[in-house]
Protein backbone atom coordinates (compact mmCIF):
# COMPACT_ATOMS: atom_id res chain seq x y z
CA TYR A 1 -59.11 -16.99 52.83
CA TYR A 2 -57.66 -18.50 56.00
CA ARG A 3 -59.98 -21.50 55.75
CA GLN A 4 -59.00 -22.12 52.14
CA LEU A 5 -55.36 -22.71 53.05
CA SER A 6 -54.33 -26.34 53.22
CA PRO A 7 -52.86 -27.80 56.43
CA ARG A 8 -49.46 -28.14 54.76
CA THR A 9 -49.49 -24.46 53.79
CA LEU A 10 -50.45 -23.42 57.31
CA LEU A 11 -47.70 -25.63 58.72
CA PHE A 12 -45.10 -24.11 56.41
CA LEU A 13 -46.25 -20.54 57.18
CA SER A 14 -46.16 -21.13 60.94
CA GLN A 15 -42.68 -22.66 60.77
CA PHE A 16 -41.43 -19.84 58.55
CA LEU A 17 -42.91 -17.23 60.92
CA ALA A 18 -41.30 -18.93 63.92
CA LEU A 19 -37.94 -18.98 62.12
CA VAL A 20 -38.15 -15.27 61.24
CA LEU A 21 -39.17 -14.34 64.78
CA GLY A 22 -36.32 -16.45 66.11
CA PHE A 23 -33.78 -14.50 64.06
CA ILE A 24 -35.32 -11.23 65.27
CA GLY A 25 -35.08 -12.48 68.84
CA LEU A 26 -31.42 -13.40 68.36
CA PHE A 27 -30.51 -9.99 66.97
CA GLY A 28 -32.56 -8.34 69.70
CA THR A 29 -30.76 -10.13 72.53
CA ILE A 30 -27.37 -9.29 70.99
CA ALA A 31 -28.37 -5.63 70.63
CA VAL A 32 -29.67 -5.40 74.20
CA THR A 33 -26.48 -6.96 75.56
CA ALA A 34 -24.20 -4.65 73.59
CA LEU A 35 -26.06 -1.34 73.96
CA PRO A 36 -24.79 1.00 76.70
CA THR A 37 -28.20 2.63 77.20
CA TRP A 38 -29.49 0.54 80.09
CA LYS A 39 -29.39 3.54 82.41
CA VAL A 40 -29.45 7.14 81.20
CA SER A 41 -29.19 10.46 83.01
CA ALA A 42 -32.36 11.87 84.54
CA PHE A 43 -32.57 15.60 83.90
CA ILE A 44 -34.41 16.68 87.01
CA GLY A 45 -33.77 19.51 89.39
CA ALA A 46 -32.79 23.10 88.70
CA ASN A 47 -29.03 22.82 89.20
CA LEU A 48 -28.30 20.00 86.76
CA ILE A 49 -26.35 20.59 83.56
CA VAL A 50 -28.47 19.29 80.70
CA MET A 51 -25.68 19.61 78.11
CA GLU A 52 -24.06 16.39 79.34
CA GLU A 53 -25.61 12.93 79.22
CA LEU A 54 -24.42 9.77 80.91
CA TRP A 55 -25.17 6.26 79.65
CA GLU A 56 -24.54 3.11 81.64
CA GLY A 57 -24.56 -0.35 80.11
CA LEU A 58 -23.44 -3.86 80.94
CA TRP A 59 -19.91 -3.39 79.65
CA MET A 60 -19.13 0.35 79.59
CA THR A 61 -20.20 3.87 80.44
CA CYS A 62 -20.50 6.61 77.85
CA TYR A 63 -20.46 10.41 78.18
CA ARG A 64 -22.14 12.44 75.50
CA GLN A 65 -21.83 16.22 75.26
CA ILE A 66 -23.15 18.74 72.75
CA ASP A 67 -20.73 19.39 69.85
CA ILE A 68 -18.36 16.74 71.26
CA LYS A 69 -18.06 13.13 70.18
CA MET A 70 -19.21 10.42 72.54
CA GLN A 71 -16.57 8.98 74.83
CA CYS A 72 -16.97 5.47 76.22
CA LYS A 73 -14.94 3.63 78.82
CA ALA A 74 -15.14 -0.03 79.81
CA TYR A 75 -15.61 -0.90 83.45
CA ASP A 76 -12.36 -1.39 85.29
CA SER A 77 -13.74 -4.24 87.39
CA LEU A 78 -16.86 -6.35 87.57
CA LEU A 79 -17.05 -5.88 91.34
CA ILE A 80 -17.78 -2.15 91.07
CA LEU A 81 -21.07 -2.86 89.28
CA PRO A 82 -24.33 -3.19 91.21
CA ALA A 83 -25.80 -6.64 91.69
CA GLU A 84 -28.43 -6.28 88.97
CA LEU A 85 -25.87 -5.40 86.29
CA GLN A 86 -23.59 -8.25 87.34
CA ALA A 87 -26.45 -10.72 87.05
CA ALA A 88 -27.63 -9.14 83.78
CA ARG A 89 -24.24 -9.80 82.18
CA GLY A 90 -24.38 -13.52 82.76
CA LEU A 91 -28.08 -13.92 82.02
CA MET A 92 -27.96 -11.98 78.75
CA CYS A 93 -24.95 -13.97 77.51
CA ALA A 94 -26.81 -17.17 78.41
CA SER A 95 -29.88 -15.87 76.59
CA ILE A 96 -27.90 -15.26 73.38
CA ALA A 97 -26.50 -18.79 73.47
CA LEU A 98 -29.92 -20.30 74.22
CA VAL A 99 -31.67 -18.42 71.41
CA PHE A 100 -28.97 -19.57 68.97
CA ILE A 101 -29.45 -23.19 70.08
CA SER A 102 -33.21 -22.78 69.73
CA LEU A 103 -32.78 -21.57 66.16
CA VAL A 104 -30.61 -24.56 65.28
CA VAL A 105 -33.02 -27.05 66.87
CA THR A 106 -36.01 -25.43 65.15
CA GLY A 107 -34.17 -25.54 61.81
CA PHE A 108 -33.65 -29.29 62.18
CA GLY A 109 -37.36 -29.74 62.82
CA LEU A 110 -38.54 -27.96 59.67
CA LYS A 111 -40.42 -30.06 57.17
CA ARG A 112 -38.21 -29.16 54.21
CA ILE A 113 -34.96 -29.99 56.03
CA ASN A 114 -33.57 -33.49 55.53
CA CYS A 115 -33.11 -34.42 59.16
CA CYS A 116 -34.36 -37.13 61.54
CA ALA A 117 -34.63 -39.49 58.55
CA ASP A 118 -37.77 -37.58 57.44
CA ASN A 119 -39.62 -39.01 60.45
CA MET A 120 -42.48 -36.61 61.17
CA ARG A 121 -42.83 -37.76 64.76
CA SER A 122 -39.15 -37.04 65.45
CA LYS A 123 -39.45 -33.65 63.77
CA ASN A 124 -42.48 -32.80 65.88
CA ILE A 125 -40.54 -33.62 69.04
CA THR A 126 -37.66 -31.49 67.76
CA LEU A 127 -39.99 -28.53 67.22
CA ALA A 128 -41.43 -29.00 70.71
CA ILE A 129 -37.92 -28.90 72.18
CA GLY A 130 -37.17 -25.75 70.19
CA GLY A 131 -40.36 -24.10 71.46
CA SER A 132 -39.50 -24.99 75.06
CA LEU A 133 -36.02 -23.49 74.65
CA TYR A 134 -37.57 -20.29 73.32
CA LEU A 135 -39.75 -20.04 76.42
CA ILE A 136 -36.70 -20.51 78.66
CA SER A 137 -34.81 -17.82 76.74
CA PHE A 138 -37.85 -15.54 77.17
CA LEU A 139 -37.55 -15.87 80.95
CA ILE A 140 -33.77 -15.44 80.93
CA THR A 141 -34.15 -12.23 78.91
CA LEU A 142 -37.08 -10.84 80.87
CA ILE A 143 -35.56 -11.32 84.33
CA PRO A 144 -32.44 -9.08 84.01
CA VAL A 145 -34.25 -6.38 82.02
CA SER A 146 -37.08 -6.18 84.54
CA TRP A 147 -34.65 -6.35 87.47
CA VAL A 148 -32.62 -3.38 86.19
CA GLY A 149 -35.81 -1.45 85.39
CA HIS A 150 -37.16 -2.05 88.89
CA SER A 151 -33.86 -0.89 90.41
CA ILE A 152 -33.92 2.32 88.36
CA ILE A 153 -37.51 3.14 89.33
CA ARG A 154 -36.89 2.38 93.00
CA GLN A 155 -33.82 4.62 93.10
CA PHE A 156 -35.60 7.37 91.18
CA TYR A 157 -38.39 7.62 93.74
CA ASN A 158 -36.07 7.21 96.73
CA PRO A 159 -36.13 10.54 98.61
CA THR A 160 -32.69 9.95 100.10
CA SER A 161 -30.99 9.67 96.67
CA HIS A 162 -29.36 12.76 95.23
CA ASP A 163 -30.77 14.10 91.95
CA ALA A 164 -27.45 13.58 90.18
CA GLN A 165 -27.49 9.87 91.09
CA LYS A 166 -30.95 9.21 89.71
CA ARG A 167 -31.34 7.51 86.34
CA GLU A 168 -34.09 6.85 83.84
CA LEU A 169 -35.03 3.79 81.79
CA GLY A 170 -32.82 3.50 78.73
CA GLN A 171 -33.63 2.34 75.22
CA ALA A 172 -31.95 -1.03 75.80
CA LEU A 173 -34.56 -1.93 78.41
CA PHE A 174 -37.47 -1.28 76.06
CA ILE A 175 -35.76 -3.29 73.32
CA GLY A 176 -35.23 -6.07 75.86
CA TRP A 177 -38.91 -6.17 76.79
CA ALA A 178 -39.91 -6.25 73.12
CA THR A 179 -37.38 -9.01 72.42
CA SER A 180 -38.64 -11.12 75.32
CA GLY A 181 -42.18 -10.77 73.93
CA ILE A 182 -41.00 -11.97 70.51
CA LEU A 183 -39.32 -14.99 72.09
CA LEU A 184 -42.52 -15.79 74.00
CA VAL A 185 -44.63 -15.63 70.83
CA THR A 186 -42.13 -17.83 68.96
CA GLY A 187 -42.23 -20.52 71.63
CA ILE A 188 -46.03 -20.48 71.76
CA ILE A 189 -46.29 -20.84 67.97
CA LEU A 190 -44.03 -23.88 67.92
CA LEU A 191 -45.78 -25.58 70.84
CA VAL A 192 -49.27 -24.91 69.44
CA ARG A 193 -48.31 -26.32 66.04
CA TYR A 194 -46.77 -29.33 67.79
CA ASP A 195 -50.02 -30.06 69.63
CA LYS A 196 -52.08 -29.83 66.43
CA ARG A 197 -49.73 -32.09 64.50
CA ARG A 198 -49.69 -34.58 67.35
CA LEU A 199 -53.48 -34.77 67.30
CA GLN A 200 -53.41 -35.34 63.55
CA GLU A 201 -50.85 -38.12 63.99
CA ASP A 202 -52.95 -39.78 66.70
CA GLN A 203 -56.02 -39.70 64.46
CA LEU A 204 -54.02 -41.17 61.58
CA ASP A 205 -52.63 -43.92 63.81
CA ASN A 206 -56.12 -44.79 65.03
CA GLU A 207 -57.42 -44.99 61.46
CA ILE A 208 -54.54 -47.26 60.44
CA TYR A 209 -55.10 -49.44 63.48
CA LEU A 210 -58.81 -49.81 62.73
CA MET A 211 -58.09 -50.67 59.10
CA GLU A 212 -55.61 -53.34 60.17
CA GLU A 213 -58.14 -54.82 62.57
CA LYS A 214 -60.70 -55.09 59.79
CA ASN A 215 -58.25 -56.81 57.44
CA VAL A 216 -57.01 -59.36 59.99
CA PRO A 217 -59.30 -62.46 60.04
CA LYS A 218 -60.67 -63.63 63.33
CA GLN A 219 -59.08 -66.73 64.83
CA ASP A 220 -62.40 -68.29 65.83
CA THR A 221 -63.69 -68.14 62.27
CA VAL A 222 -63.48 -71.48 60.43
CA TYR A 223 -63.36 -71.31 56.66
CA GLN A 224 -64.96 -74.30 54.86
CA LEU A 225 -64.87 -74.97 51.20
CA LYS A 226 -68.25 -75.04 49.57
CA THR A 227 -68.88 -78.56 48.25
CA GLU A 228 -70.94 -79.01 45.14
CA SER A 229 -74.06 -81.11 45.46
CA SER A 230 -74.64 -84.28 43.41
CA LEU A 231 -77.75 -82.78 41.82
CA TYR A 232 -75.68 -79.87 40.48
CA LYS A 233 -73.20 -82.33 38.97
CA GLN A 234 -75.97 -84.27 37.19
CA LYS A 235 -77.42 -81.10 35.73
CA GLU A 236 -74.01 -80.03 34.55
CA TYR A 237 -73.44 -83.45 32.91
CA VAL A 238 -76.77 -83.23 31.06
């Protein structure tokens, strides 16, 4: 069934898939940035109270107790945060903006959008730029999530850290890793489709060039009118 699809159908499906994945990546980056579950309490040790849970995010901390509503408080100052959370704030905000720009650029490069004066070469370049921006956003999303995860694991296995200070990986980190994977796949799809379309354009240009060469007469060729012989004229007269 895959082979029966026409190139135009495959192109439309790939662009539609990239657009859907781009929207998922945008919502994923926004969710990761807003969620307070980057660091959660680690219930280890015999003297810890398991009825209380602490969440730490980029913007606030939340306390959750049994039979009591969750209470959240924003950080009083940015300077009290560790280095990885300070960097994660800026990088995640930049990732949201970059994914949004990638969506807009990819939308302009779609075949059914009246942009770039319907020039397919310009649209291909636009899609390539959108795919490159998705790859950059993948890196910007992956770096802070992995940095915070590495910090949590290092502190968890540090023998000098107290059990109450140890944290576990929160849900926001797993969503961040999944979102970065979606952004990577989206960028690869756009760049692969760009390469295939560029090869098709090069083949078409070569065919047009060869046809033009065949139609253009050679300069060294001399065209002479065929003169009728006198014998042919006499036979025609008779």
